[in-house]
Amino acid sequence: GVGLYHGLSNEIPVGIEESGIKSVVTIHDLIFLRYPEYYKPVDRKI
């Protein structure tokens, strides 16, 4: 009976937007895009 779902760590489930359940996501940072040299390529893509 969840009416609102909060993704607390940068992601929400696939398909929730079609379920009728409202969603909020917390984005903490995009450092992997601003400073890509600090991250492995595979991690950046994920």
PDB file of all heavy atoms in Angstrom:
ATOM      1  N   GLY A   1       0.782  -1.227   0.000  1.00  0.00           N
ATOM      2  CA  GLY A   1       0.000   0.000   0.000  1.00  0.00           C
ATOM      3  C   GLY A   1       0.814   1.276   0.000  1.00  0.00           C
ATOM      4  O   GLY A   1       0.318   2.341   0.389  1.00  0.00           O
ATOM      5  N   VAL A   2       2.083   1.187  -0.449  1.00  0.00           N
ATOM      6  CA  VAL A   2       2.951   2.363  -0.475  1.00  0.00           C
ATOM      7  C   VAL A   2       2.421   3.382  -1.489  1.00  0.00           C
ATOM      8  O   VAL A   2       2.171   3.047  -2.645  1.00  0.00           O
ATOM      9  CB  VAL A   2       4.406   1.970  -0.821  1.00  0.00           C
ATOM     10  CG1 VAL A   2       5.269   3.201  -1.062  1.00  0.00           C
ATOM     11  CG2 VAL A   2       4.995   1.109   0.302  1.00  0.00           C
ATOM     12  N   GLY A   3       2.264   4.633  -1.034  1.00  0.00           N
ATOM     13  CA  GLY A   3       1.794   5.684  -1.929  1.00  0.00           C
ATOM     14  C   GLY A   3       2.912   6.573  -2.439  1.00  0.00           C
ATOM     15  O   GLY A   3       2.779   7.235  -3.471  1.00  0.00           O
ATOM     16  N   LEU A   4       4.028   6.578  -1.697  1.00  0.00           N
ATOM     17  CA  LEU A   4       5.184   7.399  -2.064  1.00  0.00           C
ATOM     18  C   LEU A   4       6.445   6.627  -1.714  1.00  0.00           C
ATOM     19  O   LEU A   4       6.565   6.083  -0.606  1.00  0.00           O
ATOM     20  CB  LEU A   4       5.159   8.731  -1.312  1.00  0.00           C
ATOM     21  CG  LEU A   4       6.406   9.609  -1.435  1.00  0.00           C
ATOM     22  CD1 LEU A   4       6.553  10.138  -2.856  1.00  0.00           C
ATOM     23  CD2 LEU A   4       6.342  10.776  -0.442  1.00  0.00           C
ATOM     24  N   TYR A   5       7.387   6.590  -2.656  1.00  0.00           N
ATOM     25  CA  TYR A   5       8.643   5.862  -2.435  1.00  0.00           C
ATOM     26  C   TYR A   5       9.797   6.846  -2.545  1.00  0.00           C
ATOM     27  O   TYR A   5       9.870   7.653  -3.484  1.00  0.00           O
ATOM     28  CB  TYR A   5       8.801   4.764  -3.481  1.00  0.00           C
ATOM     29  CG  TYR A   5      10.060   3.922  -3.327  1.00  0.00           C
ATOM     30  CD1 TYR A   5      10.108   2.885  -2.397  1.00  0.00           C
ATOM     31  CD2 TYR A   5      11.180   4.156  -4.111  1.00  0.00           C
ATOM     32  CE1 TYR A   5      11.243   2.102  -2.256  1.00  0.00           C
ATOM     33  CE2 TYR A   5      12.324   3.380  -3.979  1.00  0.00           C
ATOM     34  CZ  TYR A   5      12.353   2.361  -3.046  1.00  0.00           C
ATOM     35  OH  TYR A   5      13.486   1.581  -2.910  1.00  0.00           O
ATOM     36  N   HIS A   6      10.718   6.767  -1.571  1.00  0.00           N
ATOM     37  CA  HIS A   6      11.875   7.661  -1.552  1.00  0.00           C
ATOM     38  C   HIS A   6      13.154   6.840  -1.713  1.00  0.00           C
ATOM     39  O   HIS A   6      13.524   6.064  -0.832  1.00  0.00           O
ATOM     40  CB  HIS A   6      11.906   8.438  -0.225  1.00  0.00           C
ATOM     41  CG  HIS A   6      12.953   9.505  -0.169  1.00  0.00           C
ATOM     42  ND1 HIS A   6      12.975  10.466   0.821  1.00  0.00           N
ATOM     43  CD2 HIS A   6      14.020   9.781  -0.975  1.00  0.00           C
ATOM     44  CE1 HIS A   6      13.997  11.273   0.623  1.00  0.00           C
ATOM     45  NE2 HIS A   6      14.654  10.864  -0.457  1.00  0.00           N
ATOM     46  N   GLY A   7      13.820   7.023  -2.845  1.00  0.00           N
ATOM     47  CA  GLY A   7      15.136   6.422  -3.059  1.00  0.00           C
ATOM     48  C   GLY A   7      16.183   7.281  -2.378  1.00  0.00           C
ATOM     49  O   GLY A   7      16.532   8.364  -2.872  1.00  0.00           O
ATOM     50  N   LEU A   8      16.693   6.837  -1.259  1.00  0.00           N
ATOM     51  CA  LEU A   8      17.556   7.661  -0.418  1.00  0.00           C
ATOM     52  C   LEU A   8      18.992   7.756  -0.910  1.00  0.00           C
ATOM     53  O   LEU A   8      19.766   8.575  -0.414  1.00  0.00           O
ATOM     54  CB  LEU A   8      17.552   7.111   1.015  1.00  0.00           C
ATOM     55  CG  LEU A   8      16.213   7.233   1.754  1.00  0.00           C
ATOM     56  CD1 LEU A   8      16.195   6.326   2.979  1.00  0.00           C
ATOM     57  CD2 LEU A   8      15.962   8.679   2.165  1.00  0.00           C
ATOM     58  N   SER A   9      19.356   6.911  -1.880  1.00  0.00           N
ATOM     59  CA  SER A   9      20.756   6.876  -2.299  1.00  0.00           C
ATOM     60  C   SER A   9      20.885   6.785  -3.817  1.00  0.00           C
ATOM     61  O   SER A   9      21.363   5.791  -4.354  1.00  0.00           O
ATOM     62  CB  SER A   9      21.500   5.725  -1.626  1.00  0.00           C
ATOM     63  OG  SER A   9      20.790   4.511  -1.797  1.00  0.00           O
ATOM     64  N   ASN A  10      20.381   7.807  -4.492  1.00  0.00           N
ATOM     65  CA  ASN A  10      20.665   8.044  -5.913  1.00  0.00           C
ATOM     66  C   ASN A  10      19.936   7.162  -6.918  1.00  0.00           C
ATOM     67  O   ASN A  10      20.199   7.278  -8.119  1.00  0.00           O
ATOM     68  CB  ASN A  10      22.184   7.911  -6.193  1.00  0.00           C
ATOM     69  CG  ASN A  10      23.039   8.732  -5.264  1.00  0.00           C
ATOM     70  OD1 ASN A  10      22.948   9.952  -5.248  1.00  0.00           O
ATOM     71  ND2 ASN A  10      23.866   8.067  -4.466  1.00  0.00           N
ATOM     72  N   GLU A  11      19.031   6.293  -6.490  1.00  0.00           N
ATOM     73  CA  GLU A  11      18.351   5.427  -7.450  1.00  0.00           C
ATOM     74  C   GLU A  11      16.941   5.079  -6.990  1.00  0.00           C
ATOM     75  O   GLU A  11      16.625   5.135  -5.803  1.00  0.00           O
ATOM     76  CB  GLU A  11      19.163   4.154  -7.699  1.00  0.00           C
ATOM     77  CG  GLU A  11      19.636   3.436  -6.453  1.00  0.00           C
ATOM     78  CD  GLU A  11      20.603   2.299  -6.787  1.00  0.00           C
ATOM     79  OE1 GLU A  11      20.284   1.473  -7.663  1.00  0.00           O
ATOM     80  OE2 GLU A  11      21.673   2.229  -6.151  1.00  0.00           O
ATOM     81  N   ILE A  12      16.096   4.746  -7.973  1.00  0.00           N
ATOM     82  CA  ILE A  12      14.739   4.268  -7.714  1.00  0.00           C
ATOM     83  C   ILE A  12      14.504   3.039  -8.587  1.00  0.00           C
ATOM     84  O   ILE A  12      15.196   2.843  -9.600  1.00  0.00           O
ATOM     85  CB  ILE A  12      13.678   5.351  -8.010  1.00  0.00           C
ATOM     86  CG1 ILE A  12      13.774   5.839  -9.456  1.00  0.00           C
ATOM     87  CG2 ILE A  12      13.781   6.497  -7.022  1.00  0.00           C
ATOM     88  CD1 ILE A  12      12.670   6.791  -9.865  1.00  0.00           C
ATOM     89  N   PRO A  13      13.542   2.184  -8.239  1.00  0.00           N
ATOM     90  CA  PRO A  13      13.325   0.948  -9.004  1.00  0.00           C
ATOM     91  C   PRO A  13      12.846   1.221 -10.434  1.00  0.00           C
ATOM     92  O   PRO A  13      12.118   2.183 -10.698  1.00  0.00           O
ATOM     93  CB  PRO A  13      12.243   0.214  -8.201  1.00  0.00           C
ATOM     94  CG  PRO A  13      12.232   0.858  -6.866  1.00  0.00           C
ATOM     95  CD  PRO A  13      12.658   2.264  -7.062  1.00  0.00           C
ATOM     96  N   VAL A  14      13.249   0.351 -11.331  1.00  0.00           N
ATOM     97  CA  VAL A  14      12.774   0.399 -12.707  1.00  0.00           C
ATOM     98  C   VAL A  14      11.284   0.071 -12.738  1.00  0.00           C
ATOM     99  O   VAL A  14      10.831  -0.879 -12.096  1.00  0.00           O
ATOM    100  CB  VAL A  14      13.551  -0.605 -13.585  1.00  0.00           C
ATOM    101  CG1 VAL A  14      12.965  -0.668 -15.005  1.00  0.00           C
ATOM    102  CG2 VAL A  14      15.027  -0.245 -13.625  1.00  0.00           C
ATOM    103  N   GLY A  15      10.516   0.893 -13.425  1.00  0.00           N
ATOM    104  CA  GLY A  15       9.089   0.635 -13.571  1.00  0.00           C
ATOM    105  C   GLY A  15       8.209   1.294 -12.538  1.00  0.00           C
ATOM    106  O   GLY A  15       6.977   1.229 -12.645  1.00  0.00           O
ATOM    107  N   ILE A  16       8.784   1.942 -11.553  1.00  0.00           N
ATOM    108  CA  ILE A  16       7.953   2.559 -10.515  1.00  0.00           C
ATOM    109  C   ILE A  16       7.115   3.691 -11.100  1.00  0.00           C
ATOM    110  O   ILE A  16       6.008   3.973 -10.631  1.00  0.00           O
ATOM    111  CB  ILE A  16       8.805   3.054  -9.329  1.00  0.00           C
ATOM    112  CG1 ILE A  16       7.895   3.361  -8.132  1.00  0.00           C
ATOM    113  CG2 ILE A  16       9.659   4.260  -9.716  1.00  0.00           C
ATOM    114  CD1 ILE A  16       8.644   3.606  -6.843  1.00  0.00           C
ATOM    115  N   GLU A  17       7.617   4.318 -12.152  1.00  0.00           N
ATOM    116  CA  GLU A  17       6.892   5.432 -12.748  1.00  0.00           C
ATOM    117  C   GLU A  17       5.603   4.985 -13.447  1.00  0.00           C
ATOM    118  O   GLU A  17       4.723   5.813 -13.746  1.00  0.00           O
ATOM    119  CB  GLU A  17       7.787   6.183 -13.743  1.00  0.00           C
ATOM    120  CG  GLU A  17       8.185   5.397 -14.979  1.00  0.00           C
ATOM    121  CD  GLU A  17       9.380   4.481 -14.766  1.00  0.00           C
ATOM    122  OE1 GLU A  17       9.754   4.221 -13.593  1.00  0.00           O
ATOM    123  OE2 GLU A  17       9.937   4.017 -15.771  1.00  0.00           O
ATOM    124  N   GLU A  18       5.483   3.681 -13.683  1.00  0.00           N
ATOM    125  CA  GLU A  18       4.277   3.145 -14.332  1.00  0.00           C
ATOM    126  C   GLU A  18       3.345   2.462 -13.335  1.00  0.00           C
ATOM    127  O   GLU A  18       2.313   1.918 -13.718  1.00  0.00           O
ATOM    128  CB  GLU A  18       4.683   2.139 -15.411  1.00  0.00           C
ATOM    129  CG  GLU A  18       5.579   2.746 -16.497  1.00  0.00           C
ATOM    130  CD  GLU A  18       6.229   1.678 -17.358  1.00  0.00           C
ATOM    131  OE1 GLU A  18       6.063   0.476 -17.047  1.00  0.00           O
ATOM    132  OE2 GLU A  18       6.911   2.046 -18.328  1.00  0.00           O
ATOM    133  N   SER A  19       3.698   2.491 -12.055  1.00  0.00           N
ATOM    134  CA  SER A  19       2.960   1.728 -11.042  1.00  0.00           C
ATOM    135  C   SER A  19       1.865   2.530 -10.348  1.00  0.00           C
ATOM    136  O   SER A  19       1.058   1.956  -9.618  1.00  0.00           O
ATOM    137  CB  SER A  19       3.939   1.226  -9.979  1.00  0.00           C
ATOM    138  OG  SER A  19       4.445   2.320  -9.216  1.00  0.00           O
ATOM    139  N   GLY A  20       1.871   3.838 -10.524  1.00  0.00           N
ATOM    140  CA  GLY A  20       0.947   4.680  -9.777  1.00  0.00           C
ATOM    141  C   GLY A  20       1.507   5.146  -8.450  1.00  0.00           C
ATOM    142  O   GLY A  20       0.875   5.924  -7.742  1.00  0.00           O
ATOM    143  N   ILE A  21       2.714   4.682  -8.096  1.00  0.00           N
ATOM    144  CA  ILE A  21       3.380   5.094  -6.860  1.00  0.00           C
ATOM    145  C   ILE A  21       4.256   6.297  -7.156  1.00  0.00           C
ATOM    146  O   ILE A  21       5.103   6.262  -8.059  1.00  0.00           O
ATOM    147  CB  ILE A  21       4.242   3.946  -6.289  1.00  0.00           C
ATOM    148  CG1 ILE A  21       3.369   2.733  -5.971  1.00  0.00           C
ATOM    149  CG2 ILE A  21       4.994   4.408  -5.039  1.00  0.00           C
ATOM    150  CD1 ILE A  21       4.172   1.492  -5.606  1.00  0.00           C
ATOM    151  N   LYS A  22       4.064   7.382  -6.424  1.00  0.00           N
ATOM    152  CA  LYS A  22       4.891   8.565  -6.596  1.00  0.00           C
ATOM    153  C   LYS A  22       6.306   8.291  -6.071  1.00  0.00           C
ATOM    154  O   LYS A  22       6.497   7.463  -5.173  1.00  0.00           O
ATOM    155  CB  LYS A  22       4.288   9.757  -5.844  1.00  0.00           C
ATOM    156  CG  LYS A  22       2.912  10.183  -6.351  1.00  0.00           C
ATOM    157  CD  LYS A  22       3.005  10.752  -7.758  1.00  0.00           C
ATOM    158  CE  LYS A  22       1.673  11.321  -8.215  1.00  0.00           C
ATOM    159  NZ  LYS A  22       1.752  11.910  -9.578  1.00  0.00           N
ATOM    160  N   SER A  23       7.287   9.011  -6.629  1.00  0.00           N
ATOM    161  CA  SER A  23       8.662   8.736  -6.226  1.00  0.00           C
ATOM    162  C   SER A  23       9.487  10.006  -6.069  1.00  0.00           C
ATOM    163  O   SER A  23       9.292  10.996  -6.775  1.00  0.00           O
ATOM    164  CB  SER A  23       9.346   7.824  -7.255  1.00  0.00           C
ATOM    165  OG  SER A  23       9.455   8.474  -8.511  1.00  0.00           O
ATOM    166  N   VAL A  24      10.406   9.940  -5.103  1.00  0.00           N
ATOM    167  CA  VAL A  24      11.392  10.992  -4.847  1.00  0.00           C
ATOM    168  C   VAL A  24      12.747  10.306  -4.785  1.00  0.00           C
ATOM    169  O   VAL A  24      12.866   9.205  -4.240  1.00  0.00           O
ATOM    170  CB  VAL A  24      11.101  11.708  -3.511  1.00  0.00           C
ATOM    171  CG1 VAL A  24      12.226  12.684  -3.164  1.00  0.00           C
ATOM    172  CG2 VAL A  24       9.770  12.436  -3.564  1.00  0.00           C
ATOM    173  N   VAL A  25      13.771  10.943  -5.341  1.00  0.00           N
ATOM    174  CA  VAL A  25      15.120  10.391  -5.225  1.00  0.00           C
ATOM    175  C   VAL A  25      16.049  11.459  -4.663  1.00  0.00           C
ATOM    176  O   VAL A  25      15.948  12.635  -5.006  1.00  0.00           O
ATOM    177  CB  VAL A  25      15.661   9.889  -6.588  1.00  0.00           C
ATOM    178  CG1 VAL A  25      15.841  11.030  -7.584  1.00  0.00           C
ATOM    179  CG2 VAL A  25      16.973   9.125  -6.398  1.00  0.00           C
ATOM    180  N   THR A  26      16.925  11.052  -3.737  1.00  0.00           N
ATOM    181  CA  THR A  26      17.972  11.940  -3.253  1.00  0.00           C
ATOM    182  C   THR A  26      19.231  11.693  -4.071  1.00  0.00           C
ATOM    183  O   THR A  26      19.719  10.568  -4.146  1.00  0.00           O
ATOM    184  CB  THR A  26      18.286  11.697  -1.768  1.00  0.00           C
ATOM    185  OG1 THR A  26      17.143  12.028  -0.973  1.00  0.00           O
ATOM    186  CG2 THR A  26      19.451  12.568  -1.320  1.00  0.00           C
ATOM    187  N   ILE A  27      19.739  12.751  -4.695  1.00  0.00           N
ATOM    188  CA  ILE A  27      21.020  12.698  -5.401  1.00  0.00           C
ATOM    189  C   ILE A  27      22.053  13.398  -4.521  1.00  0.00           C
ATOM    190  O   ILE A  27      21.897  14.573  -4.179  1.00  0.00           O
ATOM    191  CB  ILE A  27      20.936  13.383  -6.782  1.00  0.00           C
ATOM    192  CG1 ILE A  27      19.876  12.692  -7.657  1.00  0.00           C
ATOM    193  CG2 ILE A  27      22.297  13.359  -7.470  1.00  0.00           C
ATOM    194  CD1 ILE A  27      20.198  11.256  -8.040  1.00  0.00           C
ATOM    195  N   HIS A  28      23.090  12.675  -4.162  1.00  0.00           N
ATOM    196  CA  HIS A  28      24.085  13.201  -3.225  1.00  0.00           C
ATOM    197  C   HIS A  28      25.182  13.993  -3.916  1.00  0.00           C
ATOM    198  O   HIS A  28      25.614  15.035  -3.416  1.00  0.00           O
ATOM    199  CB  HIS A  28      24.668  12.059  -2.392  1.00  0.00           C
ATOM    200  CG  HIS A  28      23.654  11.435  -1.486  1.00  0.00           C
ATOM    201  ND1 HIS A  28      23.501  11.812  -0.178  1.00  0.00           N
ATOM    202  CD2 HIS A  28      22.714  10.481  -1.710  1.00  0.00           C
ATOM    203  CE1 HIS A  28      22.509  11.113   0.377  1.00  0.00           C
ATOM    204  NE2 HIS A  28      22.026  10.298  -0.540  1.00  0.00           N
ATOM    205  N   ASP A  29      25.655  13.506  -5.025  1.00  0.00           N
ATOM    206  CA  ASP A  29      26.661  14.253  -5.783  1.00  0.00           C
ATOM    207  C   ASP A  29      26.851  13.598  -7.140  1.00  0.00           C
ATOM    208  O   ASP A  29      26.449  12.454  -7.358  1.00  0.00           O
ATOM    209  CB  ASP A  29      28.010  14.312  -5.036  1.00  0.00           C
ATOM    210  CG  ASP A  29      28.649  12.934  -4.860  1.00  0.00           C
ATOM    211  OD1 ASP A  29      29.133  12.368  -5.861  1.00  0.00           O
ATOM    212  OD2 ASP A  29      28.673  12.434  -3.721  1.00  0.00           O
ATOM    213  N   LEU A  30      27.467  14.345  -8.049  1.00  0.00           N
ATOM    214  CA  LEU A  30      27.841  13.830  -9.370  1.00  0.00           C
ATOM    215  C   LEU A  30      29.345  14.019  -9.567  1.00  0.00           C
ATOM    216  O   LEU A  30      29.812  14.389 -10.646  1.00  0.00           O
ATOM    217  CB  LEU A  30      27.051  14.538 -10.480  1.00  0.00           C
ATOM    218  CG  LEU A  30      25.526  14.385 -10.436  1.00  0.00           C
ATOM    219  CD1 LEU A  30      24.884  15.133 -11.605  1.00  0.00           C
ATOM    220  CD2 LEU A  30      25.113  12.919 -10.467  1.00  0.00           C
ATOM    221  N   ILE A  31      30.095  13.743  -8.524  1.00  0.00           N
ATOM    222  CA  ILE A  31      31.538  13.941  -8.577  1.00  0.00           C
ATOM    223  C   ILE A  31      32.169  13.072  -9.660  1.00  0.00           C
ATOM    224  O   ILE A  31      33.147  13.464 -10.302  1.00  0.00           O
ATOM    225  CB  ILE A  31      32.180  13.644  -7.205  1.00  0.00           C
ATOM    226  CG1 ILE A  31      31.597  14.582  -6.139  1.00  0.00           C
ATOM    227  CG2 ILE A  31      33.694  13.811  -7.253  1.00  0.00           C
ATOM    228  CD1 ILE A  31      32.051  14.268  -4.729  1.00  0.00           C
ATOM    229  N   PHE A  32      31.605  11.894  -9.904  1.00  0.00           N
ATOM    230  CA  PHE A  32      32.163  10.989 -10.911  1.00  0.00           C
ATOM    231  C   PHE A  32      32.093  11.589 -12.310  1.00  0.00           C
ATOM    232  O   PHE A  32      32.825  11.166 -13.207  1.00  0.00           O
ATOM    233  CB  PHE A  32      31.451   9.633 -10.871  1.00  0.00           C
ATOM    234  CG  PHE A  32      29.976   9.712 -11.132  1.00  0.00           C
ATOM    235  CD1 PHE A  32      29.477   9.565 -12.406  1.00  0.00           C
ATOM    236  CD2 PHE A  32      29.084   9.933 -10.091  1.00  0.00           C
ATOM    237  CE1 PHE A  32      28.113   9.642 -12.655  1.00  0.00           C
ATOM    238  CE2 PHE A  32      27.719  10.018 -10.322  1.00  0.00           C
ATOM    239  CZ  PHE A  32      27.228   9.877 -11.612  1.00  0.00           C
ATOM    240  N   LEU A  33      31.221  12.561 -12.526  1.00  0.00           N
ATOM    241  CA  LEU A  33      31.152  13.260 -13.811  1.00  0.00           C
ATOM    242  C   LEU A  33      32.035  14.501 -13.816  1.00  0.00           C
ATOM    243  O   LEU A  33      32.663  14.820 -14.827  1.00  0.00           O
ATOM    244  CB  LEU A  33      29.705  13.663 -14.119  1.00  0.00           C
ATOM    245  CG  LEU A  33      28.728  12.518 -14.375  1.00  0.00           C
ATOM    246  CD1 LEU A  33      27.312  13.055 -14.594  1.00  0.00           C
ATOM    247  CD2 LEU A  33      29.150  11.683 -15.585  1.00  0.00           C
ATOM    248  N   ARG A  34      32.096  15.184 -12.710  1.00  0.00           N
ATOM    249  CA  ARG A  34      32.907  16.404 -12.633  1.00  0.00           C
ATOM    250  C   ARG A  34      34.390  16.084 -12.544  1.00  0.00           C
ATOM    251  O   ARG A  34      35.232  16.792 -13.113  1.00  0.00           O
ATOM    252  CB  ARG A  34      32.471  17.240 -11.428  1.00  0.00           C
ATOM    253  CG  ARG A  34      33.161  18.574 -11.338  1.00  0.00           C
ATOM    254  CD  ARG A  34      32.528  19.468 -10.293  1.00  0.00           C
ATOM    255  NE  ARG A  34      31.250  19.986 -10.730  1.00  0.00           N
ATOM    256  CZ  ARG A  34      31.111  21.049 -11.512  1.00  0.00           C
ATOM    257  NH1 ARG A  34      32.179  21.668 -11.976  1.00  0.00           N
ATOM    258  NH2 ARG A  34      29.915  21.489 -11.841  1.00  0.00           N
ATOM    259  N   TYR A  35      34.729  15.012 -11.833  1.00  0.00           N
ATOM    260  CA  TYR A  35      36.127  14.594 -11.699  1.00  0.00           C
ATOM    261  C   TYR A  35      36.255  13.115 -12.062  1.00  0.00           C
ATOM    262  O   TYR A  35      36.504  12.266 -11.200  1.00  0.00           O
ATOM    263  CB  TYR A  35      36.635  14.835 -10.272  1.00  0.00           C
ATOM    264  CG  TYR A  35      36.826  16.289  -9.930  1.00  0.00           C
ATOM    265  CD1 TYR A  35      35.822  17.014  -9.287  1.00  0.00           C
ATOM    266  CD2 TYR A  35      38.005  16.956 -10.266  1.00  0.00           C
ATOM    267  CE1 TYR A  35      35.988  18.354  -8.981  1.00  0.00           C
ATOM    268  CE2 TYR A  35      38.186  18.291  -9.961  1.00  0.00           C
ATOM    269  CZ  TYR A  35      37.171  18.985  -9.323  1.00  0.00           C
ATOM    270  OH  TYR A  35      37.343  20.311  -9.020  1.00  0.00           O
ATOM    271  N   PRO A  36      36.083  12.773 -13.335  1.00  0.00           N
ATOM    272  CA  PRO A  36      36.089  11.363 -13.749  1.00  0.00           C
ATOM    273  C   PRO A  36      37.409  10.647 -13.477  1.00  0.00           C
ATOM    274  O   PRO A  36      37.438   9.424 -13.334  1.00  0.00           O
ATOM    275  CB  PRO A  36      35.794  11.431 -15.254  1.00  0.00           C
ATOM    276  CG  PRO A  36      36.172  12.816 -15.663  1.00  0.00           C
ATOM    277  CD  PRO A  36      35.866  13.681 -14.488  1.00  0.00           C
ATOM    278  N   GLU A  37      38.494  11.416 -13.368  1.00  0.00           N
ATOM    279  CA  GLU A  37      39.803  10.802 -13.153  1.00  0.00           C
ATOM    280  C   GLU A  37      39.912  10.102 -11.800  1.00  0.00           C
ATOM    281  O   GLU A  37      40.804   9.274 -11.590  1.00  0.00           O
ATOM    282  CB  GLU A  37      40.917  11.837 -13.276  1.00  0.00           C
ATOM    283  CG  GLU A  37      40.890  12.956 -12.246  1.00  0.00           C
ATOM    284  CD  GLU A  37      40.065  14.163 -12.658  1.00  0.00           C
ATOM    285  OE1 GLU A  37      39.148  13.995 -13.490  1.00  0.00           O
ATOM    286  OE2 GLU A  37      40.339  15.267 -12.147  1.00  0.00           O
ATOM    287  N   TYR A  38      39.000  10.388 -10.891  1.00  0.00           N
ATOM    288  CA  TYR A  38      39.043   9.765  -9.573  1.00  0.00           C
ATOM    289  C   TYR A  38      38.275   8.439  -9.520  1.00  0.00           C
ATOM    290  O   TYR A  38      38.209   7.810  -8.463  1.00  0.00           O
ATOM    291  CB  TYR A  38      38.451  10.701  -8.520  1.00  0.00           C
ATOM    292  CG  TYR A  38      39.225  11.990  -8.321  1.00  0.00           C
ATOM    293  CD1 TYR A  38      38.569  13.167  -7.979  1.00  0.00           C
ATOM    294  CD2 TYR A  38      40.613  12.036  -8.471  1.00  0.00           C
ATOM    295  CE1 TYR A  38      39.271  14.359  -7.787  1.00  0.00           C
ATOM    296  CE2 TYR A  38      41.317  13.210  -8.290  1.00  0.00           C
ATOM    297  CZ  TYR A  38      40.646  14.368  -7.946  1.00  0.00           C
ATOM    298  OH  TYR A  38      41.341  15.537  -7.760  1.00  0.00           O
ATOM    299  N   TYR A  39      37.690   8.011 -10.642  1.00  0.00           N
ATOM    300  CA  TYR A  39      36.832   6.818 -10.651  1.00  0.00           C
ATOM    301  C   TYR A  39      37.226   5.869 -11.780  1.00  0.00           C
ATOM    302  O   TYR A  39      37.688   6.299 -12.835  1.00  0.00           O
ATOM    303  CB  TYR A  39      35.358   7.220 -10.829  1.00  0.00           C
ATOM    304  CG  TYR A  39      34.806   8.034  -9.698  1.00  0.00           C
ATOM    305  CD1 TYR A  39      35.016   9.409  -9.629  1.00  0.00           C
ATOM    306  CD2 TYR A  39      34.079   7.434  -8.673  1.00  0.00           C
ATOM    307  CE1 TYR A  39      34.518  10.163  -8.581  1.00  0.00           C
ATOM    308  CE2 TYR A  39      33.565   8.183  -7.625  1.00  0.00           C
ATOM    309  CZ  TYR A  39      33.802   9.546  -7.583  1.00  0.00           C
ATOM    310  OH  TYR A  39      33.311  10.288  -6.544  1.00  0.00           O
ATOM    311  N   LYS A  40      36.995   4.593 -11.561  1.00  0.00           N
ATOM    312  CA  LYS A  40      37.205   3.610 -12.608  1.00  0.00           C
ATOM    313  C   LYS A  40      36.143   3.799 -13.694  1.00  0.00           C
ATOM    314  O   LYS A  40      34.985   4.108 -13.387  1.00  0.00           O
ATOM    315  CB  LYS A  40      37.104   2.197 -12.029  1.00  0.00           C
ATOM    316  CG  LYS A  40      38.163   1.870 -10.989  1.00  0.00           C
ATOM    317  CD  LYS A  40      37.945   0.474 -10.429  1.00  0.00           C
ATOM    318  CE  LYS A  40      38.984   0.152  -9.361  1.00  0.00           C
ATOM    319  NZ  LYS A  40      38.768  -1.188  -8.767  1.00  0.00           N
ATOM    320  N   PRO A  41      36.509   3.580 -14.967  1.00  0.00           N
ATOM    321  CA  PRO A  41      35.545   3.770 -16.060  1.00  0.00           C
ATOM    322  C   PRO A  41      34.253   2.976 -15.872  1.00  0.00           C
ATOM    323  O   PRO A  41      33.159   3.493 -16.127  1.00  0.00           O
ATOM    324  CB  PRO A  41      36.317   3.307 -17.297  1.00  0.00           C
ATOM    325  CG  PRO A  41      37.745   3.573 -16.949  1.00  0.00           C
ATOM    326  CD  PRO A  41      37.852   3.274 -15.480  1.00  0.00           C
ATOM    327  N   VAL A  42      34.354   1.731 -15.421  1.00  0.00           N
ATOM    328  CA  VAL A  42      33.162   0.909 -15.262  1.00  0.00           C
ATOM    329  C   VAL A  42      32.259   1.472 -14.174  1.00  0.00           C
ATOM    330  O   VAL A  42      31.027   1.479 -14.297  1.00  0.00           O
ATOM    331  CB  VAL A  42      33.533  -0.564 -14.960  1.00  0.00           C
ATOM    332  CG1 VAL A  42      34.262  -0.699 -13.627  1.00  0.00           C
ATOM    333  CG2 VAL A  42      32.286  -1.440 -14.996  1.00  0.00           C
ATOM    334  N   ASP A  43      32.849   1.994 -13.098  1.00  0.00           N
ATOM    335  CA  ASP A  43      32.052   2.590 -12.023  1.00  0.00           C
ATOM    336  C   ASP A  43      31.341   3.850 -12.510  1.00  0.00           C
ATOM    337  O   ASP A  43      30.171   4.082 -12.184  1.00  0.00           O
ATOM    338  CB  ASP A  43      32.935   2.919 -10.825  1.00  0.00           C
ATOM    339  CG  ASP A  43      33.425   1.678 -10.090  1.00  0.00           C
ATOM    340  OD1 ASP A  43      32.770   0.623 -10.234  1.00  0.00           O
ATOM    341  OD2 ASP A  43      34.443   1.751  -9.386  1.00  0.00           O
ATOM    342  N   ARG A  44      32.049   4.664 -13.290  1.00  0.00           N
ATOM    343  CA  ARG A  44      31.436   5.883 -13.822  1.00  0.00           C
ATOM    344  C   ARG A  44      30.213   5.553 -14.672  1.00  0.00           C
ATOM    345  O   ARG A  44      29.174   6.213 -14.569  1.00  0.00           O
ATOM    346  CB  ARG A  44      32.442   6.664 -14.665  1.00  0.00           C
ATOM    347  CG  ARG A  44      33.602   7.248 -13.898  1.00  0.00           C
ATOM    348  CD  ARG A  44      34.242   8.387 -14.670  1.00  0.00           C
ATOM    349  NE  ARG A  44      34.613   8.027 -16.023  1.00  0.00           N
ATOM    350  CZ  ARG A  44      35.805   7.588 -16.406  1.00  0.00           C
ATOM    351  NH1 ARG A  44      36.752   7.424 -15.494  1.00  0.00           N
ATOM    352  NH2 ARG A  44      36.070   7.315 -17.665  1.00  0.00           N
ATOM    353  N   LYS A  45      30.326   4.537 -15.499  1.00  0.00           N
ATOM    354  CA  LYS A  45      29.213   4.167 -16.374  1.00  0.00           C
ATOM    355  C   LYS A  45      28.011   3.675 -15.577  1.00  0.00           C
ATOM    356  O   LYS A  45      26.865   4.020 -15.869  1.00  0.00           O
ATOM    357  CB  LYS A  45      29.664   3.086 -17.365  1.00  0.00           C
ATOM    358  CG  LYS A  45      30.640   3.591 -18.417  1.00  0.00           C
ATOM    359  CD  LYS A  45      31.042   2.479 -19.380  1.00  0.00           C
ATOM    360  CE  LYS A  45      32.009   2.991 -20.435  1.00  0.00           C
ATOM    361  NZ  LYS A  45      32.425   1.909 -21.370  1.00  0.00           N
ATOM    362  N   ILE A  46      28.269   2.867 -14.559  1.00  0.00           N
ATOM    363  CA  ILE A  46      27.184   2.340 -13.722  1.00  0.00           C
ATOM    364  C   ILE A  46      26.495   3.476 -12.977  1.00  0.00           C
ATOM    365  O   ILE A  46      25.259   3.587 -12.974  1.00  0.00           O
ATOM    366  CB  ILE A  46      27.721   1.285 -12.735  1.00  0.00           C
ATOM    367  CG1 ILE A  46      28.173   0.024 -13.497  1.00  0.00           C
ATOM    368  CG2 ILE A  46      26.654   0.928 -11.699  1.00  0.00           C
ATOM    369  CD1 ILE A  46      28.893  -0.986 -12.632  1.00  0.00           C
TER     370      ILE A  46
END
